[in-house]
Amino acid sequence: MADVKQWVQSTKDYVNDLKLEMRRVTWPNRKQVESTTAVVIFSVFAFAGYFWVVDSLLATGVRRALNFFTK
């Protein structure tokens, strides 16, 4: 029974500590969220384009090398 009481008390302590920590968090405002979201979306598309170009170049190079050595 003592283990159950200890578990209940430690759970209460955890929740109270969690509430205290959440009060200390500084949340971004809407403008900050929108601007960082735009940066992330742009970065994803930029990296996707970069990797598409690199992949295309490597695939073409491998294809040409295989054609050269198999003929």
PDB file of N, CA and C in Angstrom:
ATOM      1  N   MET A   1       0.814  -1.199   0.000  1.00  0.00           N
ATOM      2  CA  MET A   1       0.000   0.000   0.000  1.00  0.00           C
ATOM      3  C   MET A   1       0.855   1.259   0.000  1.00  0.00           C
ATOM      4  N   ALA A   2       2.001   1.168   0.627  1.00  0.00           N
ATOM      5  CA  ALA A   2       2.903   2.320   0.671  1.00  0.00           C
ATOM      6  C   ALA A   2       3.418   2.647  -0.727  1.00  0.00           C
ATOM      7  N   ASP A   3       3.629   1.597  -1.535  1.00  0.00           N
ATOM      8  CA  ASP A   3       4.104   1.825  -2.897  1.00  0.00           C
ATOM      9  C   ASP A   3       3.081   2.601  -3.718  1.00  0.00           C
ATOM     10  N   VAL A   4       1.805   2.291  -3.519  1.00  0.00           N
ATOM     11  CA  VAL A   4       0.749   2.989  -4.252  1.00  0.00           C
ATOM     12  C   VAL A   4       0.692   4.452  -3.822  1.00  0.00           C
ATOM     13  N   LYS A   5       0.788   4.702  -2.511  1.00  0.00           N
ATOM     14  CA  LYS A   5       0.770   6.082  -2.019  1.00  0.00           C
ATOM     15  C   LYS A   5       1.977   6.860  -2.533  1.00  0.00           C
ATOM     16  N   GLN A   6       3.131   6.188  -2.580  1.00  0.00           N
ATOM     17  CA  GLN A   6       4.331   6.840  -3.086  1.00  0.00           C
ATOM     18  C   GLN A   6       4.181   7.141  -4.573  1.00  0.00           C
ATOM     19  N   TRP A   7       3.600   6.213  -5.329  1.00  0.00           N
ATOM     20  CA  TRP A   7       3.387   6.428  -6.758  1.00  0.00           C
ATOM     21  C   TRP A   7       2.430   7.591  -7.000  1.00  0.00           C
ATOM     22  N   VAL A   8       1.350   7.649  -6.222  1.00  0.00           N
ATOM     23  CA  VAL A   8       0.373   8.741  -6.364  1.00  0.00           C
ATOM     24  C   VAL A   8       1.044  10.073  -6.040  1.00  0.00           C
ATOM     25  N   GLN A   9       1.829  10.125  -4.975  1.00  0.00           N
ATOM     26  CA  GLN A   9       2.492  11.364  -4.584  1.00  0.00           C
ATOM     27  C   GLN A   9       3.531  11.784  -5.627  1.00  0.00           C
ATOM     28  N   SER A  10       4.295  10.838  -6.146  1.00  0.00           N
ATOM     29  CA  SER A  10       5.295  11.200  -7.153  1.00  0.00           C
ATOM     30  C   SER A  10       4.631  11.660  -8.446  1.00  0.00           C
ATOM     31  N   THR A  11       3.470  11.086  -8.764  1.00  0.00           N
ATOM     32  CA  THR A  11       2.727  11.536  -9.942  1.00  0.00           C
ATOM     33  C   THR A  11       2.220  12.952  -9.736  1.00  0.00           C
ATOM     34  N   LYS A  12       1.704  13.263  -8.559  1.00  0.00           N
ATOM     35  CA  LYS A  12       1.251  14.628  -8.255  1.00  0.00           C
ATOM     36  C   LYS A  12       2.413  15.613  -8.327  1.00  0.00           C
ATOM     37  N   ASP A  13       3.559  15.222  -7.777  1.00  0.00           N
ATOM     38  CA  ASP A  13       4.736  16.092  -7.825  1.00  0.00           C
ATOM     39  C   ASP A  13       5.159  16.352  -9.262  1.00  0.00           C
ATOM     40  N   TYR A  14       5.124  15.298 -10.082  1.00  0.00           N
ATOM     41  CA  TYR A  14       5.491  15.448 -11.491  1.00  0.00           C
ATOM     42  C   TYR A  14       4.558  16.428 -12.201  1.00  0.00           C
ATOM     43  N   VAL A  15       3.256  16.288 -11.984  1.00  0.00           N
ATOM     44  CA  VAL A  15       2.289  17.169 -12.637  1.00  0.00           C
ATOM     45  C   VAL A  15       2.480  18.607 -12.159  1.00  0.00           C
ATOM     46  N   ASN A  16       2.720  18.799 -10.875  1.00  0.00           N
ATOM     47  CA  ASN A  16       2.945  20.151 -10.360  1.00  0.00           C
ATOM     48  C   ASN A  16       4.221  20.760 -10.943  1.00  0.00           C
ATOM     49  N   ASP A  17       5.275  19.971 -11.037  1.00  0.00           N
ATOM     50  CA  ASP A  17       6.510  20.461 -11.651  1.00  0.00           C
ATOM     51  C   ASP A  17       6.291  20.785 -13.125  1.00  0.00           C
ATOM     52  N   LEU A  18       5.500  19.964 -13.779  1.00  0.00           N
ATOM     53  CA  LEU A  18       5.190  20.210 -15.184  1.00  0.00           C
ATOM     54  C   LEU A  18       4.439  21.521 -15.362  1.00  0.00           C
ATOM     55  N   LYS A  19       3.454  21.771 -14.520  1.00  0.00           N
ATOM     56  CA  LYS A  19       2.707  23.028 -14.585  1.00  0.00           C
ATOM     57  C   LYS A  19       3.622  24.223 -14.357  1.00  0.00           C
ATOM     58  N   LEU A  20       4.521  24.101 -13.375  1.00  0.00           N
ATOM     59  CA  LEU A  20       5.457  25.182 -13.081  1.00  0.00           C
ATOM     60  C   LEU A  20       6.370  25.449 -14.275  1.00  0.00           C
ATOM     61  N   GLU A  21       6.863  24.393 -14.885  1.00  0.00           N
ATOM     62  CA  GLU A  21       7.754  24.547 -16.040  1.00  0.00           C
ATOM     63  C   GLU A  21       7.009  25.156 -17.228  1.00  0.00           C
ATOM     64  N   MET A  22       5.765  24.782 -17.432  1.00  0.00           N
ATOM     65  CA  MET A  22       4.984  25.328 -18.543  1.00  0.00           C
ATOM     66  C   MET A  22       4.714  26.818 -18.358  1.00  0.00           C
ATOM     67  N   ARG A  23       4.663  27.287 -17.122  1.00  0.00           N
ATOM     68  CA  ARG A  23       4.491  28.728 -16.885  1.00  0.00           C
ATOM     69  C   ARG A  23       5.743  29.501 -17.279  1.00  0.00           C
ATOM     70  N   ARG A  24       6.896  28.853 -17.218  1.00  0.00           N
ATOM     71  CA  ARG A  24       8.160  29.508 -17.533  1.00  0.00           C
ATOM     72  C   ARG A  24       8.429  29.575 -19.038  1.00  0.00           C
ATOM     73  N   VAL A  25       7.702  28.821 -19.819  1.00  0.00           N
ATOM     74  CA  VAL A  25       7.936  28.768 -21.257  1.00  0.00           C
ATOM     75  C   VAL A  25       7.512  30.086 -21.900  1.00  0.00           C
ATOM     76  N   THR A  26       8.357  30.585 -22.793  1.00  0.00           N
ATOM     77  CA  THR A  26       7.969  31.761 -23.566  1.00  0.00           C
ATOM     78  C   THR A  26       7.485  31.269 -24.924  1.00  0.00           C
ATOM     79  N   TRP A  27       6.225  31.477 -25.198  1.00  0.00           N
ATOM     80  CA  TRP A  27       5.614  30.994 -26.425  1.00  0.00           C
ATOM     81  C   TRP A  27       5.773  32.018 -27.521  1.00  0.00           C
ATOM     82  N   PRO A  28       6.046  31.593 -28.747  1.00  0.00           N
ATOM     83  CA  PRO A  28       6.179  32.555 -29.850  1.00  0.00           C
ATOM     84  C   PRO A  28       4.819  33.138 -30.220  1.00  0.00           C
ATOM     85  N   ASN A  29       4.860  34.369 -30.740  1.00  0.00           N
ATOM     86  CA  ASN A  29       3.599  34.961 -31.178  1.00  0.00           C
ATOM     87  C   ASN A  29       3.277  34.476 -32.593  1.00  0.00           C
ATOM     88  N   ARG A  30       2.127  34.860 -33.083  1.00  0.00           N
ATOM     89  CA  ARG A  30       1.659  34.362 -34.384  1.00  0.00           C
ATOM     90  C   ARG A  30       2.589  34.764 -35.524  1.00  0.00           C
ATOM     91  N   LYS A  31       3.116  35.988 -35.467  1.00  0.00           N
ATOM     92  CA  LYS A  31       4.004  36.459 -36.530  1.00  0.00           C
ATOM     93  C   LYS A  31       5.284  35.622 -36.581  1.00  0.00           C
ATOM     94  N   GLN A  32       5.841  35.289 -35.431  1.00  0.00           N
ATOM     95  CA  GLN A  32       7.051  34.464 -35.386  1.00  0.00           C
ATOM     96  C   GLN A  32       6.778  33.062 -35.928  1.00  0.00           C
ATOM     97  N   VAL A  33       5.644  32.501 -35.577  1.00  0.00           N
ATOM     98  CA  VAL A  33       5.294  31.163 -36.061  1.00  0.00           C
ATOM     99  C   VAL A  33       5.124  31.178 -37.574  1.00  0.00           C
ATOM    100  N   GLU A  34       4.444  32.189 -38.098  1.00  0.00           N
ATOM    101  CA  GLU A  34       4.234  32.275 -39.546  1.00  0.00           C
ATOM    102  C   GLU A  34       5.557  32.433 -40.291  1.00  0.00           C
ATOM    103  N   SER A  35       6.444  33.283 -39.759  1.00  0.00           N
ATOM    104  CA  SER A  35       7.710  33.512 -40.466  1.00  0.00           C
ATOM    105  C   SER A  35       8.600  32.275 -40.415  1.00  0.00           C
ATOM    106  N   THR A  36       8.677  31.606 -39.287  1.00  0.00           N
ATOM    107  CA  THR A  36       9.518  30.409 -39.225  1.00  0.00           C
ATOM    108  C   THR A  36       8.914  29.270 -40.045  1.00  0.00           C
ATOM    109  N   THR A  37       7.597  29.207 -40.115  1.00  0.00           N
ATOM    110  CA  THR A  37       6.949  28.192 -40.946  1.00  0.00           C
ATOM    111  C   THR A  37       7.270  28.443 -42.418  1.00  0.00           C
ATOM    112  N   ALA A  38       7.242  29.692 -42.824  1.00  0.00           N
ATOM    113  CA  ALA A  38       7.569  30.029 -44.214  1.00  0.00           C
ATOM    114  C   ALA A  38       9.014  29.661 -44.527  1.00  0.00           C
ATOM    115  N   VAL A  39       9.923  29.913 -43.597  1.00  0.00           N
ATOM    116  CA  VAL A  39      11.333  29.563 -43.802  1.00  0.00           C
ATOM    117  C   VAL A  39      11.485  28.047 -43.933  1.00  0.00           C
ATOM    118  N   VAL A  40      10.800  27.300 -43.105  1.00  0.00           N
ATOM    119  CA  VAL A  40      10.891  25.833 -43.160  1.00  0.00           C
ATOM    120  C   VAL A  40      10.343  25.314 -44.487  1.00  0.00           C
ATOM    121  N   ILE A  41       9.197  25.822 -44.910  1.00  0.00           N
ATOM    122  CA  ILE A  41       8.605  25.360 -46.171  1.00  0.00           C
ATOM    123  C   ILE A  41       9.525  25.697 -47.348  1.00  0.00           C
ATOM    124  N   PHE A  42      10.066  26.911 -47.372  1.00  0.00           N
ATOM    125  CA  PHE A  42      10.995  27.292 -48.434  1.00  0.00           C
ATOM    126  C   PHE A  42      12.232  26.397 -48.420  1.00  0.00           C
ATOM    127  N   SER A  43      12.768  26.138 -47.230  1.00  0.00           N
ATOM    128  CA  SER A  43      13.962  25.300 -47.116  1.00  0.00           C
ATOM    129  C   SER A  43      13.702  23.884 -47.604  1.00  0.00           C
ATOM    130  N   VAL A  44      12.550  23.339 -47.288  1.00  0.00           N
ATOM    131  CA  VAL A  44      12.219  21.987 -47.733  1.00  0.00           C
ATOM    132  C   VAL A  44      12.197  21.922 -49.255  1.00  0.00           C
ATOM    133  N   PHE A  45      11.546  22.886 -49.893  1.00  0.00           N
ATOM    134  CA  PHE A  45      11.489  22.886 -51.352  1.00  0.00           C
ATOM    135  C   PHE A  45      12.860  23.153 -51.971  1.00  0.00           C
ATOM    136  N   ALA A  46      13.655  24.020 -51.356  1.00  0.00           N
ATOM    137  CA  ALA A  46      14.991  24.300 -51.874  1.00  0.00           C
ATOM    138  C   ALA A  46      15.866  23.046 -51.803  1.00  0.00           C
ATOM    139  N   PHE A  47      15.850  22.357 -50.673  1.00  0.00           N
ATOM    140  CA  PHE A  47      16.639  21.131 -50.542  1.00  0.00           C
ATOM    141  C   PHE A  47      16.121  20.035 -51.462  1.00  0.00           C
ATOM    142  N   ALA A  48      14.805  19.960 -51.624  1.00  0.00           N
ATOM    143  CA  ALA A  48      14.243  18.955 -52.539  1.00  0.00           C
ATOM    144  C   ALA A  48      14.726  19.216 -53.956  1.00  0.00           C
ATOM    145  N   GLY A  49      14.728  20.463 -54.385  1.00  0.00           N
ATOM    146  CA  GLY A  49      15.223  20.804 -55.712  1.00  0.00           C
ATOM    147  C   GLY A  49      16.698  20.501 -55.861  1.00  0.00           C
ATOM    148  N   TYR A  50      17.478  20.837 -54.844  1.00  0.00           N
ATOM    149  CA  TYR A  50      18.911  20.563 -54.873  1.00  0.00           C
ATOM    150  C   TYR A  50      19.173  19.064 -55.002  1.00  0.00           C
ATOM    151  N   PHE A  51      18.510  18.268 -54.162  1.00  0.00           N
ATOM    152  CA  PHE A  51      18.729  16.829 -54.214  1.00  0.00           C
ATOM    153  C   PHE A  51      18.210  16.216 -55.511  1.00  0.00           C
ATOM    154  N   TRP A  52      17.168  16.789 -56.096  1.00  0.00           N
ATOM    155  CA  TRP A  52      16.671  16.305 -57.387  1.00  0.00           C
ATOM    156  C   TRP A  52      17.731  16.520 -58.467  1.00  0.00           C
ATOM    157  N   VAL A  53      18.351  17.715 -58.461  1.00  0.00           N
ATOM    158  CA  VAL A  53      19.394  18.014 -59.447  1.00  0.00           C
ATOM    159  C   VAL A  53      20.590  17.091 -59.246  1.00  0.00           C
ATOM    160  N   VAL A  54      21.049  16.941 -58.016  1.00  0.00           N
ATOM    161  CA  VAL A  54      22.198  16.084 -57.738  1.00  0.00           C
ATOM    162  C   VAL A  54      21.888  14.638 -58.111  1.00  0.00           C
ATOM    163  N   ASP A  55      20.704  14.176 -57.772  1.00  0.00           N
ATOM    164  CA  ASP A  55      20.315  12.801 -58.102  1.00  0.00           C
ATOM    165  C   ASP A  55      20.267  12.603 -59.613  1.00  0.00           C
ATOM    166  N   SER A  56      19.731  13.566 -60.328  1.00  0.00           N
ATOM    167  CA  SER A  56      19.668  13.469 -61.793  1.00  0.00           C
ATOM    168  C   SER A  56      21.065  13.420 -62.401  1.00  0.00           C
ATOM    169  N   LEU A  57      21.958  14.270 -61.912  1.00  0.00           N
ATOM    170  CA  LEU A  57      23.324  14.274 -62.428  1.00  0.00           C
ATOM    171  C   LEU A  57      24.037  12.951 -62.142  1.00  0.00           C
ATOM    172  N   LEU A  58      23.901  12.454 -60.927  1.00  0.00           N
ATOM    173  CA  LEU A  58      24.545  11.184 -60.583  1.00  0.00           C
ATOM    174  C   LEU A  58      23.950  10.023 -61.387  1.00  0.00           C
ATOM    175  N   ALA A  59      22.640  10.015 -61.552  1.00  0.00           N
ATOM    176  CA  ALA A  59      22.005   8.937 -62.315  1.00  0.00           C
ATOM    177  C   ALA A  59      22.465   8.969 -63.764  1.00  0.00           C
ATOM    178  N   THR A  60      22.566  10.161 -64.338  1.00  0.00           N
ATOM    179  CA  THR A  60      23.049  10.283 -65.712  1.00  0.00           C
ATOM    180  C   THR A  60      24.500   9.820 -65.813  1.00  0.00           C
ATOM    181  N   GLY A  61      25.327  10.206 -64.868  1.00  0.00           N
ATOM    182  CA  GLY A  61      26.724   9.793 -64.869  1.00  0.00           C
ATOM    183  C   GLY A  61      26.883   8.285 -64.744  1.00  0.00           C
ATOM    184  N   VAL A  62      26.122   7.673 -63.846  1.00  0.00           N
ATOM    185  CA  VAL A  62      26.189   6.215 -63.675  1.00  0.00           C
ATOM    186  C   VAL A  62      25.686   5.520 -64.940  1.00  0.00           C
ATOM    187  N   ARG A  63      24.612   6.017 -65.503  1.00  0.00           N
ATOM    188  CA  ARG A  63      24.056   5.418 -66.713  1.00  0.00           C
ATOM    189  C   ARG A  63      25.060   5.475 -67.865  1.00  0.00           C
ATOM    190  N   ARG A  64      25.718   6.617 -68.023  1.00  0.00           N
ATOM    191  CA  ARG A  64      26.715   6.757 -69.086  1.00  0.00           C
ATOM    192  C   ARG A  64      27.923   5.861 -68.827  1.00  0.00           C
ATOM    193  N   ALA A  65      28.340   5.754 -67.581  1.00  0.00           N
ATOM    194  CA  ALA A  65      29.485   4.885 -67.250  1.00  0.00           C
ATOM    195  C   ALA A  65      29.139   3.424 -67.529  1.00  0.00           C
ATOM    196  N   LEU A  66      27.945   3.006 -67.171  1.00  0.00           N
ATOM    197  CA  LEU A  66      27.540   1.632 -67.443  1.00  0.00           C
ATOM    198  C   LEU A  66      27.435   1.366 -68.941  1.00  0.00           C
ATOM    199  N   ASN A  67      26.899   2.307 -69.677  1.00  0.00           N
ATOM    200  CA  ASN A  67      26.811   2.158 -71.132  1.00  0.00           C
ATOM    201  C   ASN A  67      28.192   2.103 -71.774  1.00  0.00           C
ATOM    202  N   PHE A  68      29.112   2.899 -71.259  1.00  0.00           N
ATOM    203  CA  PHE A  68      30.467   2.914 -71.801  1.00  0.00           C
ATOM    204  C   PHE A  68      31.176   1.575 -71.584  1.00  0.00           C
ATOM    205  N   PHE A  69      31.027   1.030 -70.380  1.00  0.00           N
ATOM    206  CA  PHE A  69      31.742  -0.206 -70.058  1.00  0.00           C
ATOM    207  C   PHE A  69      31.045  -1.467 -70.547  1.00  0.00           C
ATOM    208  N   THR A  70      29.775  -1.377 -70.907  1.00  0.00           N
ATOM    209  CA  THR A  70      29.068  -2.577 -71.387  1.00  0.00           C
ATOM    210  C   THR A  70      29.074  -2.682 -72.895  1.00  0.00           C
ATOM    211  N   LYS A  71      29.517  -1.660 -73.581  1.00  0.00           N
ATOM    212  CA  LYS A  71      29.520  -1.725 -75.054  1.00  0.00           C
ATOM    213  C   LYS A  71      30.877  -2.119 -75.563  1.00  0.00           C
TER     214      LYS A  71
END
